[in-house]
Amino acid sequence: NILQWFYMVLLILLNEIMSKFDNNYQQFITKKYENIRKKWLSLSKIIGKTVEIQQDENITLGKVNEIDKNGHLILTTSKGEVRISCGDLKYL
């Protein structure tokens, strides 16, 4: 029956999600932060993109080089390298 099939697929999916979550959580509680960061960076699509960051009245244009260990975006701008901790981001 279709309902039983749906529940079986749902249980398989939830089991996979929880397994991935547990793996990441174990890395977190054992302070393997660099492993988590590397995985995050491998999935990030922002590296290499040109962006505009608005922080209050200030606007910064640049190319994203990396995300540092503190989560800041590192941009190359016309004025050199800039570290961004917050702001409204727009892809250009």
Protein backbone atom coordinates (compact mmCIF):
# COMPACT_ATOMS: atom_id res chain seq x y z
CA ASN A 1 0.00 0.00 0.00
CA ILE A 2 1.19 3.51 -0.81
CA LEU A 3 0.91 4.78 2.77
CA GLN A 4 3.16 2.03 4.11
CA TRP A 5 5.67 2.73 1.35
CA PHE A 6 5.60 6.45 2.23
CA TYR A 7 6.24 5.75 5.93
CA MET A 8 9.10 3.40 5.07
CA VAL A 9 10.75 5.99 2.83
CA LEU A 10 10.21 8.66 5.49
CA LEU A 11 11.86 6.48 8.16
CA ILE A 12 14.85 5.80 5.90
CA LEU A 13 15.20 9.52 5.20
CA LEU A 14 14.94 10.48 8.88
CA ASN A 15 17.47 7.81 9.82
CA GLU A 16 19.93 9.22 7.25
CA ILE A 17 19.40 12.79 8.48
CA MET A 18 19.90 11.80 12.11
CA SER A 19 23.02 9.82 11.24
CA LYS A 20 24.56 12.83 9.47
CA PHE A 21 23.52 15.11 12.34
CA ASP A 22 25.06 12.78 14.91
CA ASN A 23 28.32 12.61 12.97
CA ASN A 24 28.53 16.42 12.79
CA TYR A 25 27.54 16.78 16.44
CA GLN A 26 30.26 14.32 17.51
CA GLN A 27 32.82 16.39 15.60
CA PHE A 28 31.51 19.53 17.29
CA ILE A 29 31.62 18.21 20.86
CA THR A 30 35.10 16.77 20.32
CA LYS A 31 36.20 20.21 19.08
CA LYS A 32 37.04 19.10 15.54
CA TYR A 33 35.99 22.50 14.27
CA GLU A 34 38.36 22.50 11.29
CA ASN A 35 36.65 19.38 9.89
CA ILE A 36 33.30 21.15 10.14
CA ARG A 37 34.72 24.30 8.55
CA LYS A 38 36.23 22.36 5.65
CA LYS A 39 32.91 20.65 4.96
CA TRP A 40 31.10 24.01 5.16
CA LEU A 41 33.57 25.58 2.71
CA SER A 42 33.25 22.65 0.30
CA LEU A 43 29.49 23.30 0.13
CA SER A 44 29.76 27.10 -0.02
CA LYS A 45 28.98 28.65 -3.38
CA ILE A 46 30.04 32.17 -2.41
CA ILE A 47 33.82 31.71 -2.71
CA GLY A 48 35.03 33.49 -5.85
CA LYS A 49 31.81 35.46 -6.32
CA THR A 50 31.63 39.23 -6.62
CA VAL A 51 29.36 40.71 -3.99
CA GLU A 52 28.10 43.98 -2.56
CA ILE A 53 27.84 44.25 1.22
CA GLN A 54 25.78 47.02 2.79
CA GLN A 55 26.48 47.88 6.43
CA ASP A 56 24.30 50.81 7.47
CA GLU A 57 25.35 53.59 5.06
CA ASN A 58 28.58 51.88 3.93
CA ILE A 59 28.71 49.74 0.79
CA THR A 60 31.65 47.43 0.07
CA LEU A 61 32.18 45.80 -3.34
CA GLY A 62 34.56 42.91 -3.70
CA LYS A 63 35.33 39.33 -4.59
CA VAL A 64 34.95 36.72 -1.84
CA ASN A 65 38.27 34.96 -1.21
CA GLU A 66 37.37 32.88 1.79
CA ILE A 67 35.40 32.50 4.98
CA ASP A 68 37.80 32.70 7.93
CA LYS A 69 37.74 30.59 11.10
CA ASN A 70 35.46 33.15 12.79
CA GLY A 71 32.93 33.13 9.95
CA HIS A 72 33.96 36.47 8.44
CA LEU A 73 33.88 36.93 4.69
CA ILE A 74 37.29 37.92 3.37
CA LEU A 75 36.88 40.16 0.32
CA THR A 76 39.37 41.59 -2.14
CA THR A 77 38.32 45.15 -2.90
CA SER A 78 39.84 48.08 -4.77
CA LYS A 79 41.27 49.19 -1.40
CA GLY A 80 42.77 45.80 -0.52
CA GLU A 81 41.60 42.93 1.63
CA VAL A 82 38.56 43.53 3.85
CA ARG A 83 37.06 41.35 6.60
CA ILE A 84 33.24 41.47 6.79
CA SER A 85 31.43 40.24 9.89
CA CYS A 86 27.89 41.37 9.09
CA GLY A 87 25.77 43.18 6.55
CA ASP A 88 23.28 42.73 3.75
CA LEU A 89 24.84 40.77 0.91
CA LYS A 90 23.91 40.99 -2.76
CA TYR A 91 25.46 38.85 -5.50
CA LEU A 92 26.58 40.89 -8.51
